[in-house]
Amino acid sequence: MAQLSDAAGFKSVVYFMERAMNDPNSPIFEIDWERTTHVNYAFGKPAPDGSVGLYDPYAAVEITYPQFGVNNV
């Protein structure tokens, strides 16, 4: 992937919403990861103290996909 991103500053950016994990029309495993250099992951949940949390922790960081070799990334 480094070679792709180095090619004249080329960037292939995908936008993926946290809630899309629960949407069958937005399967994350259909993203072309071989051509993707950046992921914009949205949305963060702002807290009064200025920190940012997650709206759906299960979808964001707890779900695992052992069939794809992805566990607690």
PDB file of N, CA and C in Angstrom:
ATOM      1  N   MET A   1       0.817  -1.187   0.000  1.00  0.00           N
ATOM      2  CA  MET A   1       0.000   0.000   0.000  1.00  0.00           C
ATOM      3  C   MET A   1       0.864   1.255   0.000  1.00  0.00           C
ATOM      4  N   ALA A   2       2.056   1.219   0.526  1.00  0.00           N
ATOM      5  CA  ALA A   2       2.914   2.398   0.554  1.00  0.00           C
ATOM      6  C   ALA A   2       3.220   2.890  -0.849  1.00  0.00           C
ATOM      7  N   GLN A   3       3.410   1.976  -1.778  1.00  0.00           N
ATOM      8  CA  GLN A   3       3.712   2.379  -3.144  1.00  0.00           C
ATOM      9  C   GLN A   3       2.551   3.149  -3.747  1.00  0.00           C
ATOM     10  N   LEU A   4       1.331   2.706  -3.490  1.00  0.00           N
ATOM     11  CA  LEU A   4       0.166   3.388  -4.012  1.00  0.00           C
ATOM     12  C   LEU A   4       0.066   4.801  -3.460  1.00  0.00           C
ATOM     13  N   SER A   5       0.255   4.981  -2.158  1.00  0.00           N
ATOM     14  CA  SER A   5       0.118   6.302  -1.560  1.00  0.00           C
ATOM     15  C   SER A   5       1.273   7.224  -1.933  1.00  0.00           C
ATOM     16  N   ASP A   6       2.416   6.665  -2.323  1.00  0.00           N
ATOM     17  CA  ASP A   6       3.550   7.491  -2.715  1.00  0.00           C
ATOM     18  C   ASP A   6       3.449   7.987  -4.152  1.00  0.00           C
ATOM     19  N   ALA A   7       2.582   7.426  -4.939  1.00  0.00           N
ATOM     20  CA  ALA A   7       2.477   7.776  -6.355  1.00  0.00           C
ATOM     21  C   ALA A   7       1.916   9.182  -6.507  1.00  0.00           C
ATOM     22  N   ALA A   8       2.802  10.151  -6.608  1.00  0.00           N
ATOM     23  CA  ALA A   8       2.443  11.556  -6.835  1.00  0.00           C
ATOM     24  C   ALA A   8       1.409  12.066  -5.828  1.00  0.00           C
ATOM     25  N   GLY A   9       1.524  11.651  -4.584  1.00  0.00           N
ATOM     26  CA  GLY A   9       0.613  12.124  -3.552  1.00  0.00           C
ATOM     27  C   GLY A   9      -0.787  11.554  -3.653  1.00  0.00           C
ATOM     28  N   PHE A  10      -0.959  10.480  -4.395  1.00  0.00           N
ATOM     29  CA  PHE A  10      -2.270   9.859  -4.577  1.00  0.00           C
ATOM     30  C   PHE A  10      -2.841   9.404  -3.240  1.00  0.00           C
ATOM     31  N   LYS A  11      -4.131   9.698  -3.044  1.00  0.00           N
ATOM     32  CA  LYS A  11      -4.835   9.234  -1.853  1.00  0.00           C
ATOM     33  C   LYS A  11      -6.175   8.657  -2.286  1.00  0.00           C
ATOM     34  N   SER A  12      -6.502   7.527  -1.734  1.00  0.00           N
ATOM     35  CA  SER A  12      -7.814   6.924  -1.952  1.00  0.00           C
ATOM     36  C   SER A  12      -8.485   6.856  -0.589  1.00  0.00           C
ATOM     37  N   VAL A  13      -9.434   7.757  -0.360  1.00  0.00           N
ATOM     38  CA  VAL A  13     -10.041   7.923   0.959  1.00  0.00           C
ATOM     39  C   VAL A  13     -11.454   7.344   0.957  1.00  0.00           C
ATOM     40  N   VAL A  14     -11.761   6.532   1.961  1.00  0.00           N
ATOM     41  CA  VAL A  14     -13.123   6.044   2.138  1.00  0.00           C
ATOM     42  C   VAL A  14     -13.690   6.650   3.413  1.00  0.00           C
ATOM     43  N   TYR A  15     -14.983   6.839   3.418  1.00  0.00           N
ATOM     44  CA  TYR A  15     -15.708   7.386   4.559  1.00  0.00           C
ATOM     45  C   TYR A  15     -16.583   6.272   5.102  1.00  0.00           C
ATOM     46  N   PHE A  16     -16.420   5.942   6.355  1.00  0.00           N
ATOM     47  CA  PHE A  16     -17.194   4.850   6.940  1.00  0.00           C
ATOM     48  C   PHE A  16     -17.804   5.294   8.253  1.00  0.00           C
ATOM     49  N   MET A  17     -19.135   5.259   8.325  1.00  0.00           N
ATOM     50  CA  MET A  17     -19.831   5.677   9.538  1.00  0.00           C
ATOM     51  C   MET A  17     -19.919   4.522  10.531  1.00  0.00           C
ATOM     52  N   GLU A  18     -19.781   4.840  11.798  1.00  0.00           N
ATOM     53  CA  GLU A  18     -19.875   3.824  12.848  1.00  0.00           C
ATOM     54  C   GLU A  18     -21.167   3.027  12.737  1.00  0.00           C
ATOM     55  N   ARG A  19     -22.265   3.706  12.524  1.00  0.00           N
ATOM     56  CA  ARG A  19     -23.550   3.003  12.469  1.00  0.00           C
ATOM     57  C   ARG A  19     -23.682   2.108  11.240  1.00  0.00           C
ATOM     58  N   ALA A  20     -22.803   2.270  10.263  1.00  0.00           N
ATOM     59  CA  ALA A  20     -22.848   1.429   9.063  1.00  0.00           C
ATOM     60  C   ALA A  20     -22.541  -0.030   9.385  1.00  0.00           C
ATOM     61  N   MET A  21     -21.912  -0.301  10.523  1.00  0.00           N
ATOM     62  CA  MET A  21     -21.633  -1.686  10.908  1.00  0.00           C
ATOM     63  C   MET A  21     -22.921  -2.488  11.054  1.00  0.00           C
ATOM     64  N   ASN A  22     -24.023  -1.810  11.355  1.00  0.00           N
ATOM     65  CA  ASN A  22     -25.313  -2.479  11.527  1.00  0.00           C
ATOM     66  C   ASN A  22     -26.196  -2.374  10.289  1.00  0.00           C
ATOM     67  N   ASP A  23     -25.658  -1.838   9.202  1.00  0.00           N
ATOM     68  CA  ASP A  23     -26.416  -1.643   7.966  1.00  0.00           C
ATOM     69  C   ASP A  23     -25.960  -2.654   6.921  1.00  0.00           C
ATOM     70  N   PRO A  24     -26.826  -3.583   6.527  1.00  0.00           N
ATOM     71  CA  PRO A  24     -26.417  -4.595   5.553  1.00  0.00           C
ATOM     72  C   PRO A  24     -26.064  -4.016   4.188  1.00  0.00           C
ATOM     73  N   ASN A  25     -26.442  -2.757   3.933  1.00  0.00           N
ATOM     74  CA  ASN A  25     -26.105  -2.114   2.662  1.00  0.00           C
ATOM     75  C   ASN A  25     -24.732  -1.455   2.688  1.00  0.00           C
ATOM     76  N   SER A  26     -24.026  -1.516   3.802  1.00  0.00           N
ATOM     77  CA  SER A  26     -22.705  -0.902   3.938  1.00  0.00           C
ATOM     78  C   SER A  26     -21.694  -1.901   4.485  1.00  0.00           C
ATOM     79  N   PRO A  27     -21.470  -3.007   3.802  1.00  0.00           N
ATOM     80  CA  PRO A  27     -20.531  -4.010   4.328  1.00  0.00           C
ATOM     81  C   PRO A  27     -19.075  -3.557   4.224  1.00  0.00           C
ATOM     82  N   ILE A  28     -18.416  -3.476   5.361  1.00  0.00           N
ATOM     83  CA  ILE A  28     -17.041  -2.982   5.403  1.00  0.00           C
ATOM     84  C   ILE A  28     -16.087  -3.874   4.619  1.00  0.00           C
ATOM     85  N   PHE A  29     -16.420  -5.144   4.492  1.00  0.00           N
ATOM     86  CA  PHE A  29     -15.508  -6.043   3.798  1.00  0.00           C
ATOM     87  C   PHE A  29     -15.619  -5.960   2.283  1.00  0.00           C
ATOM     88  N   GLU A  30     -16.489  -5.080   1.777  1.00  0.00           N
ATOM     89  CA  GLU A  30     -16.541  -4.845   0.338  1.00  0.00           C
ATOM     90  C   GLU A  30     -15.686  -3.641  -0.068  1.00  0.00           C
ATOM     91  N   ILE A  31     -15.080  -2.969   0.897  1.00  0.00           N
ATOM     92  CA  ILE A  31     -14.169  -1.864   0.580  1.00  0.00           C
ATOM     93  C   ILE A  31     -12.919  -2.445  -0.054  1.00  0.00           C
ATOM     94  N   ASP A  32     -12.435  -1.818  -1.093  1.00  0.00           N
ATOM     95  CA  ASP A  32     -11.220  -2.276  -1.776  1.00  0.00           C
ATOM     96  C   ASP A  32     -10.002  -1.805  -0.977  1.00  0.00           C
ATOM     97  N   TRP A  33      -9.577  -2.611   0.005  1.00  0.00           N
ATOM     98  CA  TRP A  33      -8.477  -2.233   0.896  1.00  0.00           C
ATOM     99  C   TRP A  33      -7.139  -2.174   0.178  1.00  0.00           C
ATOM    100  N   GLU A  34      -6.991  -2.825  -0.943  1.00  0.00           N
ATOM    101  CA  GLU A  34      -5.738  -2.765  -1.701  1.00  0.00           C
ATOM    102  C   GLU A  34      -5.514  -1.379  -2.289  1.00  0.00           C
ATOM    103  N   ARG A  35      -6.586  -0.643  -2.518  1.00  0.00           N
ATOM    104  CA  ARG A  35      -6.480   0.691  -3.113  1.00  0.00           C
ATOM    105  C   ARG A  35      -6.737   1.811  -2.105  1.00  0.00           C
ATOM    106  N   THR A  36      -7.090   1.463  -0.888  1.00  0.00           N
ATOM    107  CA  THR A  36      -7.440   2.453   0.124  1.00  0.00           C
ATOM    108  C   THR A  36      -6.205   2.885   0.907  1.00  0.00           C
ATOM    109  N   THR A  37      -5.988   4.200   0.975  1.00  0.00           N
ATOM    110  CA  THR A  37      -4.852   4.724   1.733  1.00  0.00           C
ATOM    111  C   THR A  37      -5.284   5.375   3.047  1.00  0.00           C
ATOM    112  N   HIS A  38      -6.546   5.812   3.141  1.00  0.00           N
ATOM    113  CA  HIS A  38      -7.038   6.498   4.337  1.00  0.00           C
ATOM    114  C   HIS A  38      -8.493   6.105   4.593  1.00  0.00           C
ATOM    115  N   VAL A  39      -8.866   6.055   5.881  1.00  0.00           N
ATOM    116  CA  VAL A  39     -10.258   5.824   6.259  1.00  0.00           C
ATOM    117  C   VAL A  39     -10.687   6.959   7.175  1.00  0.00           C
ATOM    118  N   ASN A  40     -11.760   7.650   6.804  1.00  0.00           N
ATOM    119  CA  ASN A  40     -12.386   8.629   7.684  1.00  0.00           C
ATOM    120  C   ASN A  40     -13.516   7.899   8.391  1.00  0.00           C
ATOM    121  N   TYR A  41     -13.356   7.683   9.686  1.00  0.00           N
ATOM    122  CA  TYR A  41     -14.325   6.923  10.468  1.00  0.00           C
ATOM    123  C   TYR A  41     -15.144   7.904  11.288  1.00  0.00           C
ATOM    124  N   ALA A  42     -16.464   7.865  11.125  1.00  0.00           N
ATOM    125  CA  ALA A  42     -17.306   8.838  11.795  1.00  0.00           C
ATOM    126  C   ALA A  42     -18.442   8.109  12.494  1.00  0.00           C
ATOM    127  N   PHE A  43     -18.974   8.550  13.455  1.00  0.00           N
ATOM    128  CA  PHE A  43     -18.916   9.837  14.109  1.00  0.00           C
ATOM    129  C   PHE A  43     -18.455   9.647  15.542  1.00  0.00           C
ATOM    130  N   GLY A  44     -17.723  10.611  16.049  1.00  0.00           N
ATOM    131  CA  GLY A  44     -17.337  10.593  17.451  1.00  0.00           C
ATOM    132  C   GLY A  44     -18.416  11.251  18.293  1.00  0.00           C
ATOM    133  N   LYS A  45     -18.480  10.884  19.548  1.00  0.00           N
ATOM    134  CA  LYS A  45     -19.471  11.438  20.476  1.00  0.00           C
ATOM    135  C   LYS A  45     -18.759  12.385  21.430  1.00  0.00           C
ATOM    136  N   PRO A  46     -18.882  13.700  21.203  1.00  0.00           N
ATOM    137  CA  PRO A  46     -18.190  14.657  22.066  1.00  0.00           C
ATOM    138  C   PRO A  46     -18.762  14.651  23.487  1.00  0.00           C
ATOM    139  N   ALA A  47     -17.877  14.736  24.452  1.00  0.00           N
ATOM    140  CA  ALA A  47     -18.267  14.788  25.865  1.00  0.00           C
ATOM    141  C   ALA A  47     -18.030  16.200  26.399  1.00  0.00           C
ATOM    142  N   PRO A  48     -18.703  16.577  27.468  1.00  0.00           N
ATOM    143  CA  PRO A  48     -18.538  17.918  28.033  1.00  0.00           C
ATOM    144  C   PRO A  48     -17.094  18.260  28.409  1.00  0.00           C
ATOM    145  N   ASP A  49     -16.283  17.255  28.744  1.00  0.00           N
ATOM    146  CA  ASP A  49     -14.901  17.529  29.140  1.00  0.00           C
ATOM    147  C   ASP A  49     -13.954  17.681  27.945  1.00  0.00           C
ATOM    148  N   GLY A  50     -14.504  17.615  26.724  1.00  0.00           N
ATOM    149  CA  GLY A  50     -13.672  17.783  25.530  1.00  0.00           C
ATOM    150  C   GLY A  50     -13.167  16.481  24.940  1.00  0.00           C
ATOM    151  N   SER A  51     -13.384  15.381  25.628  1.00  0.00           N
ATOM    152  CA  SER A  51     -12.961  14.090  25.077  1.00  0.00           C
ATOM    153  C   SER A  51     -13.989  13.611  24.052  1.00  0.00           C
ATOM    154  N   VAL A  52     -13.631  12.574  23.331  1.00  0.00           N
ATOM    155  CA  VAL A  52     -14.528  12.019  22.325  1.00  0.00           C
ATOM    156  C   VAL A  52     -14.743  10.544  22.623  1.00  0.00           C
ATOM    157  N   GLY A  53     -15.987  10.140  22.642  1.00  0.00           N
ATOM    158  CA  GLY A  53     -16.330   8.744  22.903  1.00  0.00           C
ATOM    159  C   GLY A  53     -16.973   8.111  21.684  1.00  0.00           C
ATOM    160  N   LEU A  54     -17.584   6.970  21.895  1.00  0.00           N
ATOM    161  CA  LEU A  54     -18.219   6.212  20.827  1.00  0.00           C
ATOM    162  C   LEU A  54     -19.718   6.125  21.080  1.00  0.00           C
ATOM    163  N   TYR A  55     -20.503   6.243  20.033  1.00  0.00           N
ATOM    164  CA  TYR A  55     -21.940   6.052  20.164  1.00  0.00           C
ATOM    165  C   TYR A  55     -22.271   4.573  20.320  1.00  0.00           C
ATOM    166  N   ASP A  56     -21.591   3.743  19.581  1.00  0.00           N
ATOM    167  CA  ASP A  56     -21.867   2.306  19.593  1.00  0.00           C
ATOM    168  C   ASP A  56     -20.557   1.543  19.767  1.00  0.00           C
ATOM    169  N   PRO A  57     -20.097   1.354  21.009  1.00  0.00           N
ATOM    170  CA  PRO A  57     -18.814   0.685  21.241  1.00  0.00           C
ATOM    171  C   PRO A  57     -18.728  -0.706  20.604  1.00  0.00           C
ATOM    172  N   TYR A  58     -19.840  -1.428  20.578  1.00  0.00           N
ATOM    173  CA  TYR A  58     -19.804  -2.760  19.972  1.00  0.00           C
ATOM    174  C   TYR A  58     -19.440  -2.665  18.492  1.00  0.00           C
ATOM    175  N   ALA A  59     -20.115  -1.797  17.765  1.00  0.00           N
ATOM    176  CA  ALA A  59     -19.839  -1.655  16.335  1.00  0.00           C
ATOM    177  C   ALA A  59     -18.456  -1.072  16.083  1.00  0.00           C
ATOM    178  N   ALA A  60     -18.014  -0.189  16.970  1.00  0.00           N
ATOM    179  CA  ALA A  60     -16.754   0.514  16.741  1.00  0.00           C
ATOM    180  C   ALA A  60     -15.521  -0.315  17.079  1.00  0.00           C
ATOM    181  N   VAL A  61     -15.529  -0.989  18.226  1.00  0.00           N
ATOM    182  CA  VAL A  61     -14.290  -1.640  18.665  1.00  0.00           C
ATOM    183  C   VAL A  61     -14.452  -3.033  19.271  1.00  0.00           C
ATOM    184  N   GLU A  62     -15.676  -3.452  19.558  1.00  0.00           N
ATOM    185  CA  GLU A  62     -15.847  -4.736  20.233  1.00  0.00           C
ATOM    186  C   GLU A  62     -16.148  -5.901  19.293  1.00  0.00           C
ATOM    187  N   ILE A  63     -16.789  -5.639  18.168  1.00  0.00           N
ATOM    188  CA  ILE A  63     -17.147  -6.705  17.238  1.00  0.00           C
ATOM    189  C   ILE A  63     -15.884  -7.318  16.631  1.00  0.00           C
ATOM    190  N   THR A  64     -15.894  -8.614  16.458  1.00  0.00           N
ATOM    191  CA  THR A  64     -14.742  -9.290  15.853  1.00  0.00           C
ATOM    192  C   THR A  64     -15.199 -10.081  14.628  1.00  0.00           C
ATOM    193  N   TYR A  65     -14.263 -10.312  13.742  1.00  0.00           N
ATOM    194  CA  TYR A  65     -14.531 -11.067  12.520  1.00  0.00           C
ATOM    195  C   TYR A  65     -13.465 -12.137  12.362  1.00  0.00           C
ATOM    196  N   PRO A  66     -13.509 -13.192  13.172  1.00  0.00           N
ATOM    197  CA  PRO A  66     -12.463 -14.218  13.096  1.00  0.00           C
ATOM    198  C   PRO A  66     -12.382 -14.883  11.727  1.00  0.00           C
ATOM    199  N   GLN A  67     -13.495 -14.940  10.996  1.00  0.00           N
ATOM    200  CA  GLN A  67     -13.466 -15.561   9.677  1.00  0.00           C
ATOM    201  C   GLN A  67     -12.612 -14.767   8.696  1.00  0.00           C
ATOM    202  N   PHE A  68     -12.351 -13.491   9.004  1.00  0.00           N
ATOM    203  CA  PHE A  68     -11.503 -12.656   8.159  1.00  0.00           C
ATOM    204  C   PHE A  68     -10.144 -12.399   8.802  1.00  0.00           C
ATOM    205  N   GLY A  69      -9.890 -13.007   9.950  1.00  0.00           N
ATOM    206  CA  GLY A  69      -8.624 -12.795  10.637  1.00  0.00           C
ATOM    207  C   GLY A  69      -8.562 -11.458  11.345  1.00  0.00           C
ATOM    208  N   VAL A  70      -9.720 -10.874  11.658  1.00  0.00           N
ATOM    209  CA  VAL A  70      -9.773  -9.566  12.307  1.00  0.00           C
ATOM    210  C   VAL A  70     -10.376  -9.745  13.693  1.00  0.00           C
ATOM    211  N   ASN A  71      -9.568  -9.574  14.722  1.00  0.00           N
ATOM    212  CA  ASN A  71     -10.021  -9.716  16.102  1.00  0.00           C
ATOM    213  C   ASN A  71      -9.505  -8.565  16.945  1.00  0.00           C
ATOM    214  N   ASN A  72     -10.425  -7.794  17.514  1.00  0.00           N
ATOM    215  CA  ASN A  72     -10.067  -6.717  18.449  1.00  0.00           C
ATOM    216  C   ASN A  72      -8.962  -5.823  17.918  1.00  0.00           C
ATOM    217  N   VAL A  73      -9.193  -5.259  16.762  1.00  0.00           N
ATOM    218  CA  VAL A  73      -8.194  -4.376  16.154  1.00  0.00           C
ATOM    219  C   VAL A  73      -8.387  -2.984  16.684  1.00  0.00           C
TER     220      VAL A  73
END
